[in-house]
C-alpha atoms as a PDB file:
ATOM      1  CA  UNK A   1      74.590 157.687 -74.387  1.00  0.00           C
ATOM      2  CA  UNK A   2      70.912 158.403 -74.956  1.00  0.00           C
ATOM      3  CA  UNK A   3      68.996 155.463 -76.172  1.00  0.00           C
ATOM      4  CA  UNK A   4      67.892 157.615 -79.062  1.00  0.00           C
ATOM      5  CA  UNK A   5      71.388 158.295 -80.156  1.00  0.00           C
ATOM      6  CA  UNK A   6      72.589 154.700 -79.897  1.00  0.00           C
ATOM      7  CA  UNK A   7      69.568 153.762 -82.267  1.00  0.00           C
ATOM      8  CA  UNK A   8      70.321 156.465 -84.610  1.00  0.00           C
ATOM      9  CA  UNK A   9      74.135 155.472 -84.768  1.00  0.00           C
ATOM     10  CA  UNK A  10      73.050 151.927 -85.306  1.00  0.00           C
ATOM     11  CA  UNK A  11      71.212 152.922 -88.312  1.00  0.00           C
ATOM     12  CA  UNK A  12      74.288 154.896 -89.630  1.00  0.00           C
ATOM     13  CA  UNK A  13      76.403 151.700 -89.106  1.00  0.00           C
ATOM     14  CA  UNK A  14      73.809 149.443 -90.597  1.00  0.00           C
ATOM     15  CA  UNK A  15      73.704 151.630 -93.967  1.00  0.00           C
ATOM     16  CA  UNK A  16      77.483 152.274 -93.852  1.00  0.00           C
ATOM     17  CA  UNK A  17      77.935 148.290 -93.699  1.00  0.00           C
ATOM     18  CA  UNK A  18      75.323 147.702 -96.530  1.00  0.00           C
ATOM     19  CA  UNK A  19      76.847 150.418 -98.707  1.00  0.00           C
ATOM     20  CA  UNK A  20      80.429 149.137 -98.002  1.00  0.00           C
ATOM     21  CA  UNK A  21      79.978 145.330 -98.321  1.00  0.00           C
ATOM     22  CA  UNK A  22      76.359 144.766 -99.563  1.00  0.00           C
ATOM     23  CA  UNK A  23      75.167 143.336 -96.185  1.00  0.00           C
ATOM     24  CA  UNK A  24      74.365 144.397 -92.617  1.00  0.00           C
ATOM     25  CA  UNK A  25      74.006 141.575 -90.387  1.00  0.00           C
ATOM     26  CA  UNK A  26      75.169 141.957 -86.900  1.00  0.00           C
ATOM     27  CA  UNK A  27      78.447 139.971 -87.283  1.00  0.00           C
ATOM     28  CA  UNK A  28      79.280 142.082 -90.496  1.00  0.00           C
ATOM     29  CA  UNK A  29      78.343 145.420 -88.583  1.00  0.00           C
ATOM     30  CA  UNK A  30      80.667 144.444 -85.712  1.00  0.00           C
ATOM     31  CA  UNK A  31      83.615 143.544 -88.387  1.00  0.00           C
ATOM     32  CA  UNK A  32      83.078 146.801 -90.012  1.00  0.00           C
ATOM     33  CA  UNK A  33      83.028 148.719 -86.602  1.00  0.00           C
ATOM     34  CA  UNK A  34      86.568 147.129 -85.739  1.00  0.00           C
ATOM     35  CA  UNK A  35      87.868 147.708 -89.319  1.00  0.00           C
ATOM     36  CA  UNK A  36      86.855 151.555 -89.160  1.00  0.00           C
ATOM     37  CA  UNK A  37      87.841 152.092 -85.766  1.00  0.00           C
ATOM     38  CA  UNK A  38      91.166 150.204 -86.187  1.00  0.00           C
ATOM     39  CA  UNK A  39      91.864 152.026 -89.729  1.00  0.00           C
ATOM     40  CA  UNK A  40      91.173 155.210 -87.992  1.00  0.00           C
ATOM     41  CA  UNK A  41      93.424 154.627 -85.039  1.00  0.00           C
ATOM     42  CA  UNK A  42      96.219 153.454 -87.468  1.00  0.00           C
ATOM     43  CA  UNK A  43      96.129 156.665 -89.578  1.00  0.00           C
ATOM     44  CA  UNK A  44      95.884 159.198 -86.674  1.00  0.00           C
ATOM     45  CA  UNK A  45      98.121 157.487 -83.874  1.00  0.00           C
ATOM     46  CA  UNK A  46     100.204 155.037 -85.697  1.00  0.00           C
ATOM     47  CA  UNK A  47     102.493 154.619 -82.795  1.00  0.00           C
ATOM     48  CA  UNK A  48      99.455 153.383 -80.615  1.00  0.00           C
ATOM     49  CA  UNK A  49      98.438 150.951 -83.423  1.00  0.00           C
ATOM     50  CA  UNK A  50     101.908 149.697 -83.546  1.00  0.00           C
ATOM     51  CA  UNK A  51     102.389 149.352 -79.700  1.00  0.00           C
ATOM     52  CA  UNK A  52      98.948 147.553 -79.833  1.00  0.00           C
ATOM     53  CA  UNK A  53     100.146 145.166 -82.586  1.00  0.00           C
ATOM     54  CA  UNK A  54     103.350 144.307 -80.521  1.00  0.00           C
ATOM     55  CA  UNK A  55     101.472 143.824 -77.349  1.00  0.00           C
ATOM     56  CA  UNK A  56      98.785 141.604 -78.846  1.00  0.00           C
ATOM     57  CA  UNK A  57     100.251 139.815 -81.886  1.00  0.00           C
ATOM     58  CA  UNK A  58      97.049 137.582 -81.805  1.00  0.00           C
ATOM     59  CA  UNK A  59      94.817 140.730 -81.898  1.00  0.00           C
ATOM     60  CA  UNK A  60      97.033 141.802 -84.893  1.00  0.00           C
ATOM     61  CA  UNK A  61      96.440 138.703 -86.790  1.00  0.00           C
ATOM     62  CA  UNK A  62      92.658 138.962 -86.134  1.00  0.00           C
ATOM     63  CA  UNK A  63      92.459 142.501 -87.533  1.00  0.00           C
ATOM     64  CA  UNK A  64      94.468 141.838 -90.429  1.00  0.00           C
ATOM     65  CA  UNK A  65      91.998 138.978 -91.294  1.00  0.00           C
ATOM     66  CA  UNK A  66      89.034 141.438 -90.732  1.00  0.00           C
ATOM     67  CA  UNK A  67      90.786 144.042 -92.870  1.00  0.00           C
ATOM     68  CA  UNK A  68      91.102 141.316 -95.824  1.00  0.00           C
ATOM     69  CA  UNK A  69      87.766 140.104 -95.429  1.00  0.00           C
ATOM     70  CA  UNK A  70      86.140 143.563 -95.490  1.00  0.00           C
ATOM     71  CA  UNK A  71      88.381 144.395 -98.466  1.00  0.00           C
ATOM     72  CA  UNK A  72      87.241 141.231-100.212  1.00  0.00           C
ATOM     73  CA  UNK A  73      83.694 141.696 -99.586  1.00  0.00           C
ATOM     74  CA  UNK A  74      83.899 145.361-100.756  1.00  0.00           C
ATOM     75  CA  UNK A  75      85.306 144.210-104.079  1.00  0.00           C
ATOM     76  CA  UNK A  76      82.811 141.714-104.576  1.00  0.00           C
ATOM     77  CA  UNK A  77      80.005 144.179-103.817  1.00  0.00           C
ATOM     78  CA  UNK A  78      81.543 146.797-106.244  1.00  0.00           C
ATOM     79  CA  UNK A  79      81.649 144.313-109.017  1.00  0.00           C
ATOM     80  CA  UNK A  80      78.109 143.004-108.502  1.00  0.00           C
ATOM     81  CA  UNK A  81      76.816 146.664-108.430  1.00  0.00           C
ATOM     82  CA  UNK A  82      78.307 147.286-111.905  1.00  0.00           C
END
């Protein structure tokens, strides 16, 4: 990928993270990226997500933790914005 595109996409991810959970540090951006990608895969190819969950139960637990954390951060951010 071109360097300019990578920088532009990184800016998109940073703003998305900020709007979604109220912050955009590197750790949060990585969690948001994993959450968004896993959510998309689970919706568009549920059989693949199910297979991955069965193949990697520890990964499944980690993504569940990330999903819960993103949800909690989003709810907190929405309440603080009111």
